[in-house]
PDB file of all heavy atoms in Angstrom:
ATOM      1  N   ILE A   1      89.845  83.036 108.358  1.00  0.00           N
ATOM      2  CA  ILE A   1      88.749  83.297 109.200  1.00  0.00           C
ATOM      3  C   ILE A   1      87.897  82.186 109.578  1.00  0.00           C
ATOM      4  O   ILE A   1      87.613  81.359 108.676  1.00  0.00           O
ATOM      5  CB  ILE A   1      87.885  84.456 108.592  1.00  0.00           C
ATOM      6  CG1 ILE A   1      88.586  85.834 108.401  1.00  0.00           C
ATOM      7  CG2 ILE A   1      86.553  84.688 109.321  1.00  0.00           C
ATOM      8  CD1 ILE A   1      87.821  86.780 107.645  1.00  0.00           C
ATOM      9  N   GLY A   2      87.464  81.993 110.791  1.00  0.00           N
ATOM     10  CA  GLY A   2      86.742  80.801 111.307  1.00  0.00           C
ATOM     11  C   GLY A   2      85.315  81.112 111.222  1.00  0.00           C
ATOM     12  O   GLY A   2      84.804  82.194 110.937  1.00  0.00           O
ATOM     13  N   ALA A   3      84.536  80.104 111.659  1.00  0.00           N
ATOM     14  CA  ALA A   3      83.046  80.232 111.538  1.00  0.00           C
ATOM     15  C   ALA A   3      82.434  81.292 112.481  1.00  0.00           C
ATOM     16  O   ALA A   3      81.534  82.009 112.047  1.00  0.00           O
ATOM     17  CB  ALA A   3      82.411  78.898 112.014  1.00  0.00           C
ATOM     18  N   ARG A   4      82.945  81.436 113.738  1.00  0.00           N
ATOM     19  CA  ARG A   4      82.375  82.453 114.633  1.00  0.00           C
ATOM     20  C   ARG A   4      82.857  83.826 114.134  1.00  0.00           C
ATOM     21  O   ARG A   4      82.035  84.763 114.163  1.00  0.00           O
ATOM     22  CB  ARG A   4      82.867  82.311 116.056  1.00  0.00           C
ATOM     23  CG  ARG A   4      82.210  81.139 116.691  1.00  0.00           C
ATOM     24  CD  ARG A   4      82.483  81.035 118.216  1.00  0.00           C
ATOM     25  NE  ARG A   4      83.870  81.019 118.609  1.00  0.00           N
ATOM     26  CZ  ARG A   4      84.645  79.882 118.709  1.00  0.00           C
ATOM     27  NH1 ARG A   4      84.065  78.735 118.453  1.00  0.00           N
ATOM     28  NH2 ARG A   4      85.803  80.029 119.000  1.00  0.00           N
ATOM     29  N   ASP A   5      84.071  83.972 113.692  1.00  0.00           N
ATOM     30  CA  ASP A   5      84.469  85.322 113.221  1.00  0.00           C
ATOM     31  C   ASP A   5      83.834  85.601 111.846  1.00  0.00           C
ATOM     32  O   ASP A   5      83.626  86.857 111.664  1.00  0.00           O
ATOM     33  CB  ASP A   5      86.027  85.168 113.063  1.00  0.00           C
ATOM     34  CG  ASP A   5      86.821  85.415 114.392  1.00  0.00           C
ATOM     35  OD1 ASP A   5      86.162  85.667 115.428  1.00  0.00           O
ATOM     36  OD2 ASP A   5      87.999  85.173 114.265  1.00  0.00           O
ATOM     37  N   PHE A   6      83.319  84.624 111.175  1.00  0.00           N
ATOM     38  CA  PHE A   6      82.624  84.939 109.926  1.00  0.00           C
ATOM     39  C   PHE A   6      81.385  85.728 110.308  1.00  0.00           C
ATOM     40  O   PHE A   6      81.062  86.701 109.475  1.00  0.00           O
ATOM     41  CB  PHE A   6      82.234  83.596 109.219  1.00  0.00           C
ATOM     42  CG  PHE A   6      81.445  83.762 107.975  1.00  0.00           C
ATOM     43  CD1 PHE A   6      82.056  84.307 106.842  1.00  0.00           C
ATOM     44  CD2 PHE A   6      80.173  83.197 107.919  1.00  0.00           C
ATOM     45  CE1 PHE A   6      81.328  84.410 105.664  1.00  0.00           C
ATOM     46  CE2 PHE A   6      79.522  83.319 106.716  1.00  0.00           C
ATOM     47  CZ  PHE A   6      80.027  83.906 105.624  1.00  0.00           C
ATOM     48  N   ASP A   7      80.743  85.345 111.375  1.00  0.00           N
ATOM     49  CA  ASP A   7      79.566  86.074 111.798  1.00  0.00           C
ATOM     50  C   ASP A   7      79.860  87.483 112.362  1.00  0.00           C
ATOM     51  O   ASP A   7      78.992  88.400 112.376  1.00  0.00           O
ATOM     52  CB  ASP A   7      78.763  85.327 112.804  1.00  0.00           C
ATOM     53  CG  ASP A   7      78.138  84.090 112.233  1.00  0.00           C
ATOM     54  OD1 ASP A   7      77.907  83.959 110.966  1.00  0.00           O
ATOM     55  OD2 ASP A   7      78.035  83.046 112.891  1.00  0.00           O
ATOM     56  N   LEU A   8      81.035  87.721 112.869  1.00  0.00           N
ATOM     57  CA  LEU A   8      81.480  89.045 113.213  1.00  0.00           C
ATOM     58  C   LEU A   8      81.729  90.004 112.090  1.00  0.00           C
ATOM     59  O   LEU A   8      81.544  91.158 112.198  1.00  0.00           O
ATOM     60  CB  LEU A   8      82.649  88.924 114.106  1.00  0.00           C
ATOM     61  CG  LEU A   8      82.593  88.287 115.511  1.00  0.00           C
ATOM     62  CD1 LEU A   8      83.863  88.133 116.224  1.00  0.00           C
ATOM     63  CD2 LEU A   8      81.595  89.129 116.409  1.00  0.00           C
ATOM     64  N   TYR A   9      82.274  89.483 111.052  1.00  0.00           N
ATOM     65  CA  TYR A   9      82.763  90.262 109.898  1.00  0.00           C
ATOM     66  C   TYR A   9      81.810  90.427 108.765  1.00  0.00           C
ATOM     67  O   TYR A   9      81.980  91.197 107.843  1.00  0.00           O
ATOM     68  CB  TYR A   9      84.078  89.722 109.383  1.00  0.00           C
ATOM     69  CG  TYR A   9      85.255  89.845 110.390  1.00  0.00           C
ATOM     70  CD1 TYR A   9      85.957  88.745 110.693  1.00  0.00           C
ATOM     71  CD2 TYR A   9      85.588  91.060 110.863  1.00  0.00           C
ATOM     72  CE1 TYR A   9      86.985  88.762 111.682  1.00  0.00           C
ATOM     73  CE2 TYR A   9      86.586  91.161 111.758  1.00  0.00           C
ATOM     74  CZ  TYR A   9      87.274  89.957 112.159  1.00  0.00           C
ATOM     75  OH  TYR A   9      88.379  90.116 113.074  1.00  0.00           O
ATOM     76  N   CYS A  10      80.670  89.569 108.824  1.00  0.00           N
ATOM     77  CA  CYS A  10      79.651  89.735 107.826  1.00  0.00           C
ATOM     78  C   CYS A  10      78.353  89.232 108.277  1.00  0.00           C
ATOM     79  O   CYS A  10      78.369  88.480 109.325  1.00  0.00           O
ATOM     80  CB  CYS A  10      79.977  89.128 106.476  1.00  0.00           C
ATOM     81  SG  CYS A  10      79.871  87.326 106.402  1.00  0.00           S
ATOM     82  N   ASN A  11      77.174  89.571 107.668  1.00  0.00           N
ATOM     83  CA  ASN A  11      75.925  89.122 108.099  1.00  0.00           C
ATOM     84  C   ASN A  11      75.341  88.148 107.139  1.00  0.00           C
ATOM     85  O   ASN A  11      74.097  88.032 106.931  1.00  0.00           O
ATOM     86  CB  ASN A  11      75.018  90.335 108.346  1.00  0.00           C
ATOM     87  CG  ASN A  11      74.649  91.121 107.057  1.00  0.00           C
ATOM     88  OD1 ASN A  11      75.445  90.997 106.096  1.00  0.00           O
ATOM     89  ND2 ASN A  11      73.706  91.872 107.110  1.00  0.00           N
ATOM     90  N   PHE A  12      76.081  87.346 106.570  1.00  0.00           N
ATOM     91  CA  PHE A  12      75.668  86.411 105.429  1.00  0.00           C
ATOM     92  C   PHE A  12      74.554  85.500 105.991  1.00  0.00           C
ATOM     93  O   PHE A  12      73.598  85.222 105.280  1.00  0.00           O
ATOM     94  CB  PHE A  12      76.789  85.583 104.917  1.00  0.00           C
ATOM     95  CG  PHE A  12      76.410  84.669 103.817  1.00  0.00           C
ATOM     96  CD1 PHE A  12      76.261  85.076 102.523  1.00  0.00           C
ATOM     97  CD2 PHE A  12      76.215  83.280 104.166  1.00  0.00           C
ATOM     98  CE1 PHE A  12      75.827  84.149 101.557  1.00  0.00           C
ATOM     99  CE2 PHE A  12      75.844  82.443 103.176  1.00  0.00           C
ATOM    100  CZ  PHE A  12      75.640  82.895 101.819  1.00  0.00           C
ATOM    101  N   ARG A  13      74.765  84.917 107.235  1.00  0.00           N
ATOM    102  CA  ARG A  13      73.804  83.837 107.747  1.00  0.00           C
ATOM    103  C   ARG A  13      72.452  84.401 108.001  1.00  0.00           C
ATOM    104  O   ARG A  13      71.488  83.772 107.950  1.00  0.00           O
ATOM    105  CB  ARG A  13      74.315  83.246 109.000  1.00  0.00           C
ATOM    106  CG  ARG A  13      75.624  82.460 108.731  1.00  0.00           C
ATOM    107  CD  ARG A  13      75.952  81.716 110.090  1.00  0.00           C
ATOM    108  NE  ARG A  13      77.327  81.515 110.324  1.00  0.00           N
ATOM    109  CZ  ARG A  13      78.052  80.446 109.954  1.00  0.00           C
ATOM    110  NH1 ARG A  13      77.370  79.512 109.206  1.00  0.00           N
ATOM    111  NH2 ARG A  13      79.278  80.372 110.119  1.00  0.00           N
ATOM    112  N   THR A  14      72.368  85.681 108.197  1.00  0.00           N
ATOM    113  CA  THR A  14      71.016  86.373 108.462  1.00  0.00           C
ATOM    114  C   THR A  14      70.507  87.058 107.131  1.00  0.00           C
ATOM    115  O   THR A  14      69.287  87.118 106.992  1.00  0.00           O
ATOM    116  CB  THR A  14      71.097  87.332 109.674  1.00  0.00           C
ATOM    117  OG1 THR A  14      72.057  88.341 109.431  1.00  0.00           O
ATOM    118  CG2 THR A  14      71.387  86.650 110.862  1.00  0.00           C
ATOM    119  N   ALA A  15      71.375  87.643 106.325  1.00  0.00           N
ATOM    120  CA  ALA A  15      70.905  88.444 105.226  1.00  0.00           C
ATOM    121  C   ALA A  15      70.984  87.728 103.938  1.00  0.00           C
ATOM    122  O   ALA A  15      70.514  88.211 102.979  1.00  0.00           O
ATOM    123  CB  ALA A  15      71.769  89.748 105.143  1.00  0.00           C
ATOM    124  N   GLY A  16      71.665  86.527 103.982  1.00  0.00           N
ATOM    125  CA  GLY A  16      71.758  85.750 102.742  1.00  0.00           C
ATOM    126  C   GLY A  16      72.608  86.505 101.697  1.00  0.00           C
ATOM    127  O   GLY A  16      73.540  87.219 102.032  1.00  0.00           O
ATOM    128  N   ILE A  17      72.189  86.505 100.442  1.00  0.00           N
ATOM    129  CA  ILE A  17      72.946  87.063  99.282  1.00  0.00           C
ATOM    130  C   ILE A  17      73.008  88.550  99.298  1.00  0.00           C
ATOM    131  O   ILE A  17      73.827  89.184  98.668  1.00  0.00           O
ATOM    132  CB  ILE A  17      72.529  86.547  97.890  1.00  0.00           C
ATOM    133  CG1 ILE A  17      70.988  87.011  97.645  1.00  0.00           C
ATOM    134  CG2 ILE A  17      72.602  85.064  97.825  1.00  0.00           C
ATOM    135  CD1 ILE A  17      70.531  86.621  96.312  1.00  0.00           C
ATOM    136  N   ALA A  18      72.134  89.174 100.177  1.00  0.00           N
ATOM    137  CA  ALA A  18      72.255  90.596 100.255  1.00  0.00           C
ATOM    138  C   ALA A  18      73.125  91.030 101.520  1.00  0.00           C
ATOM    139  O   ALA A  18      73.077  92.159 101.927  1.00  0.00           O
ATOM    140  CB  ALA A  18      70.910  91.221 100.561  1.00  0.00           C
ATOM    141  N   PHE A  19      74.133  90.194 101.802  1.00  0.00           N
ATOM    142  CA  PHE A  19      74.959  90.376 103.033  1.00  0.00           C
ATOM    143  C   PHE A  19      75.917  91.489 102.892  1.00  0.00           C
ATOM    144  O   PHE A  19      76.287  91.987 101.687  1.00  0.00           O
ATOM    145  CB  PHE A  19      75.728  89.123 103.403  1.00  0.00           C
ATOM    146  CG  PHE A  19      76.823  88.733 102.453  1.00  0.00           C
ATOM    147  CD1 PHE A  19      78.180  89.065 102.871  1.00  0.00           C
ATOM    148  CD2 PHE A  19      76.689  88.202 101.184  1.00  0.00           C
ATOM    149  CE1 PHE A  19      79.327  88.684 101.978  1.00  0.00           C
ATOM    150  CE2 PHE A  19      77.687  87.933 100.349  1.00  0.00           C
ATOM    151  CZ  PHE A  19      79.056  88.091 100.801  1.00  0.00           C
ATOM    152  N   GLY A  20      76.318  92.100 103.944  1.00  0.00           N
ATOM    153  CA  GLY A  20      77.318  93.169 104.015  1.00  0.00           C
ATOM    154  C   GLY A  20      78.499  92.743 104.814  1.00  0.00           C
ATOM    155  O   GLY A  20      78.439  91.745 105.519  1.00  0.00           O
ATOM    156  N   VAL A  21      79.571  93.504 104.715  1.00  0.00           N
ATOM    157  CA  VAL A  21      80.859  93.142 105.424  1.00  0.00           C
ATOM    158  C   VAL A  21      81.158  94.309 106.348  1.00  0.00           C
ATOM    159  O   VAL A  21      80.901  95.468 106.159  1.00  0.00           O
ATOM    160  CB  VAL A  21      82.002  92.942 104.365  1.00  0.00           C
ATOM    161  CG1 VAL A  21      83.333  92.818 105.103  1.00  0.00           C
ATOM    162  CG2 VAL A  21      81.657  91.794 103.464  1.00  0.00           C
ATOM    163  N   ASP A  22      81.808  93.897 107.450  1.00  0.00           N
ATOM    164  CA  ASP A  22      82.321  94.912 108.385  1.00  0.00           C
ATOM    165  C   ASP A  22      83.052  95.984 107.678  1.00  0.00           C
ATOM    166  O   ASP A  22      83.911  95.659 106.853  1.00  0.00           O
ATOM    167  CB  ASP A  22      83.260  94.159 109.442  1.00  0.00           C
ATOM    168  CG  ASP A  22      83.988  95.120 110.303  1.00  0.00           C
ATOM    169  OD1 ASP A  22      83.398  95.510 111.322  1.00  0.00           O
ATOM    170  OD2 ASP A  22      85.163  95.462 109.989  1.00  0.00           O
ATOM    171  N   PRO A  23      82.830  97.290 107.886  1.00  0.00           N
ATOM    172  CA  PRO A  23      83.278  98.396 107.102  1.00  0.00           C
ATOM    173  C   PRO A  23      84.877  98.509 107.203  1.00  0.00           C
ATOM    174  O   PRO A  23      85.505  98.870 106.257  1.00  0.00           O
ATOM    175  CB  PRO A  23      82.642  99.624 107.722  1.00  0.00           C
ATOM    176  CG  PRO A  23      81.967  99.230 109.042  1.00  0.00           C
ATOM    177  CD  PRO A  23      81.815  97.790 108.902  1.00  0.00           C
ATOM    178  N   GLY A  24      85.394  98.200 108.453  1.00  0.00           N
ATOM    179  CA  GLY A  24      86.846  98.223 108.509  1.00  0.00           C
ATOM    180  C   GLY A  24      87.491  97.079 107.703  1.00  0.00           C
ATOM    181  O   GLY A  24      88.527  97.460 107.086  1.00  0.00           O
ATOM    182  N   MET A  25      86.956  96.025 107.793  1.00  0.00           N
ATOM    183  CA  MET A  25      87.481  94.789 107.066  1.00  0.00           C
ATOM    184  C   MET A  25      87.446  95.087 105.509  1.00  0.00           C
ATOM    185  O   MET A  25      88.373  95.012 104.789  1.00  0.00           O
ATOM    186  CB  MET A  25      86.706  93.550 107.396  1.00  0.00           C
ATOM    187  CG  MET A  25      87.087  92.304 106.524  1.00  0.00           C
ATOM    188  SD  MET A  25      88.821  91.768 106.849  1.00  0.00           S
ATOM    189  CE  MET A  25      88.430  90.658 108.335  1.00  0.00           C
ATOM    190  N   ARG A  26      86.219  95.692 105.165  1.00  0.00           N
ATOM    191  CA  ARG A  26      86.044  95.896 103.690  1.00  0.00           C
ATOM    192  C   ARG A  26      87.022  96.927 103.249  1.00  0.00           C
ATOM    193  O   ARG A  26      87.599  96.725 102.144  1.00  0.00           O
ATOM    194  CB  ARG A  26      84.648  96.513 103.542  1.00  0.00           C
ATOM    195  CG  ARG A  26      84.207  96.818 102.111  1.00  0.00           C
ATOM    196  CD  ARG A  26      82.735  97.266 102.010  1.00  0.00           C
ATOM    197  NE  ARG A  26      82.380  97.579 100.702  1.00  0.00           N
ATOM    198  CZ  ARG A  26      82.433  98.760 100.076  1.00  0.00           C
ATOM    199  NH1 ARG A  26      82.985  99.812 100.825  1.00  0.00           N
ATOM    200  NH2 ARG A  26      82.149  99.026  98.844  1.00  0.00           N
ATOM    201  N   GLU A  27      87.210  98.057 103.943  1.00  0.00           N
ATOM    202  CA  GLU A  27      88.157  99.034 103.554  1.00  0.00           C
ATOM    203  C   GLU A  27      89.625  98.582 103.502  1.00  0.00           C
ATOM    204  O   GLU A  27      90.290  98.875 102.601  1.00  0.00           O
ATOM    205  CB  GLU A  27      88.073 100.240 104.510  1.00  0.00           C
ATOM    206  CG  GLU A  27      89.106 101.351 104.165  1.00  0.00           C
ATOM    207  CD  GLU A  27      88.901 101.946 102.807  1.00  0.00           C
ATOM    208  OE1 GLU A  27      87.806 101.858 102.257  1.00  0.00           O
ATOM    209  OE2 GLU A  27      89.899 102.389 102.235  1.00  0.00           O
ATOM    210  N   PHE A  28      90.096  97.728 104.471  1.00  0.00           N
ATOM    211  CA  PHE A  28      91.381  97.245 104.397  1.00  0.00           C
ATOM    212  C   PHE A  28      91.587  96.347 103.232  1.00  0.00           C
ATOM    213  O   PHE A  28      92.582  96.460 102.504  1.00  0.00           O
ATOM    214  CB  PHE A  28      91.627  96.404 105.715  1.00  0.00           C
ATOM    215  CG  PHE A  28      93.060  95.968 105.788  1.00  0.00           C
ATOM    216  CD1 PHE A  28      94.083  96.826 106.081  1.00  0.00           C
ATOM    217  CD2 PHE A  28      93.321  94.623 105.706  1.00  0.00           C
ATOM    218  CE1 PHE A  28      95.450  96.306 106.137  1.00  0.00           C
ATOM    219  CE2 PHE A  28      94.564  94.128 105.749  1.00  0.00           C
ATOM    220  CZ  PHE A  28      95.737  94.959 105.963  1.00  0.00           C
ATOM    221  N   LEU A  29      90.603  95.476 102.868  1.00  0.00           N
ATOM    222  CA  LEU A  29      90.808  94.623 101.799  1.00  0.00           C
ATOM    223  C   LEU A  29      90.799  95.359 100.518  1.00  0.00           C
ATOM    224  O   LEU A  29      91.496  94.928  99.466  1.00  0.00           O
ATOM    225  CB  LEU A  29      89.685  93.560 101.826  1.00  0.00           C
ATOM    226  CG  LEU A  29      89.822  92.540 102.970  1.00  0.00           C
ATOM    227  CD1 LEU A  29      88.711  91.454 102.875  1.00  0.00           C
ATOM    228  CD2 LEU A  29      91.146  91.849 102.934  1.00  0.00           C
ATOM    229  N   ARG A  30      89.967  96.355 100.419  1.00  0.00           N
ATOM    230  CA  ARG A  30      89.884  97.222  99.198  1.00  0.00           C
ATOM    231  C   ARG A  30      91.221  97.876  98.950  1.00  0.00           C
ATOM    232  O   ARG A  30      91.643  97.979  97.816  1.00  0.00           O
ATOM    233  CB  ARG A  30      88.731  98.167  99.280  1.00  0.00           C
ATOM    234  CG  ARG A  30      87.384  97.436  99.045  1.00  0.00           C
ATOM    235  CD  ARG A  30      86.205  98.432  99.290  1.00  0.00           C
ATOM    236  NE  ARG A  30      85.934  99.297  98.046  1.00  0.00           N
ATOM    237  CZ  ARG A  30      85.253  98.952  97.081  1.00  0.00           C
ATOM    238  NH1 ARG A  30      84.792  97.806  96.981  1.00  0.00           N
ATOM    239  NH2 ARG A  30      85.074  99.861  96.142  1.00  0.00           N
ATOM    240  N   ARG A  31      91.811  98.390  99.989  1.00  0.00           N
ATOM    241  CA  ARG A  31      93.121  99.007  99.991  1.00  0.00           C
ATOM    242  C   ARG A  31      94.203  98.114  99.434  1.00  0.00           C
ATOM    243  O   ARG A  31      95.016  98.430  98.583  1.00  0.00           O
ATOM    244  CB  ARG A  31      93.494  99.630 101.234  1.00  0.00           C
ATOM    245  CG  ARG A  31      92.888 100.897 101.659  1.00  0.00           C
ATOM    246  CD  ARG A  31      93.578 101.703 102.726  1.00  0.00           C
ATOM    247  NE  ARG A  31      93.301 100.979 104.072  1.00  0.00           N
ATOM    248  CZ  ARG A  31      94.302 100.597 104.887  1.00  0.00           C
ATOM    249  NH1 ARG A  31      95.615 100.593 104.539  1.00  0.00           N
ATOM    250  NH2 ARG A  31      93.920 100.073 106.087  1.00  0.00           N
ATOM    251  N   ALA A  32      94.257  96.928 100.015  1.00  0.00           N
ATOM    252  CA  ALA A  32      95.127  95.875  99.558  1.00  0.00           C
ATOM    253  C   ALA A  32      94.925  95.474  98.113  1.00  0.00           C
ATOM    254  O   ALA A  32      95.848  95.315  97.351  1.00  0.00           O
ATOM    255  CB  ALA A  32      94.974  94.623 100.479  1.00  0.00           C
ATOM    256  N   PHE A  33      93.685  95.318  97.733  1.00  0.00           N
ATOM    257  CA  PHE A  33      93.380  95.055  96.382  1.00  0.00           C
ATOM    258  C   PHE A  33      93.891  96.053  95.314  1.00  0.00           C
ATOM    259  O   PHE A  33      94.449  95.855  94.263  1.00  0.00           O
ATOM    260  CB  PHE A  33      91.909  94.658  96.185  1.00  0.00           C
ATOM    261  CG  PHE A  33      91.558  94.245  94.719  1.00  0.00           C
ATOM    262  CD1 PHE A  33      91.722  92.911  94.389  1.00  0.00           C
ATOM    263  CD2 PHE A  33      91.008  95.124  93.919  1.00  0.00           C
ATOM    264  CE1 PHE A  33      91.472  92.462  93.168  1.00  0.00           C
ATOM    265  CE2 PHE A  33      90.708  94.749  92.667  1.00  0.00           C
ATOM    266  CZ  PHE A  33      90.884  93.348  92.216  1.00  0.00           C
ATOM    267  N   ARG A  34      93.527  97.376  95.755  1.00  0.00           N
ATOM    268  CA  ARG A  34      93.885  98.436  94.851  1.00  0.00           C
ATOM    269  C   ARG A  34      95.425  98.602  94.566  1.00  0.00           C
ATOM    270  O   ARG A  34      95.801  98.983  93.606  1.00  0.00           O
ATOM    271  CB  ARG A  34      93.293  99.757  95.397  1.00  0.00           C
ATOM    272  CG  ARG A  34      91.815  99.972  95.306  1.00  0.00           C
ATOM    273  CD  ARG A  34      91.481 101.462  95.585  1.00  0.00           C
ATOM    274  NE  ARG A  34      89.996 101.698  95.573  1.00  0.00           N
ATOM    275  CZ  ARG A  34      89.317 101.731  96.676  1.00  0.00           C
ATOM    276  NH1 ARG A  34      89.814 101.658  97.864  1.00  0.00           N
ATOM    277  NH2 ARG A  34      88.032 102.094  96.543  1.00  0.00           N
ATOM    278  N   ARG A  35      96.113  98.216  95.608  1.00  0.00           N
ATOM    279  CA  ARG A  35      97.614  98.184  95.490  1.00  0.00           C
ATOM    280  C   ARG A  35      98.130  97.073  94.641  1.00  0.00           C
ATOM    281  O   ARG A  35      99.358  96.965  94.416  1.00  0.00           O
ATOM    282  CB  ARG A  35      98.263  98.153  96.840  1.00  0.00           C
ATOM    283  CG  ARG A  35      98.088  99.474  97.680  1.00  0.00           C
ATOM    284  CD  ARG A  35      99.226  99.489  98.718  1.00  0.00           C
ATOM    285  NE  ARG A  35     100.572  99.668  98.121  1.00  0.00           N
ATOM    286  CZ  ARG A  35     101.087 100.672  97.675  1.00  0.00           C
ATOM    287  NH1 ARG A  35     100.438 101.844  97.749  1.00  0.00           N
ATOM    288  NH2 ARG A  35     102.323 100.713  97.163  1.00  0.00           N
TER     289      ARG A  35
END
């Protein structure tokens, strides 16, 4: 993931340590991790 896409998939630059992640990305990564 590059710098511009980073801002598409999470709000870290604006929210800081309270950042959240794009729900679709989060769900896909959680599925992969659980497997």
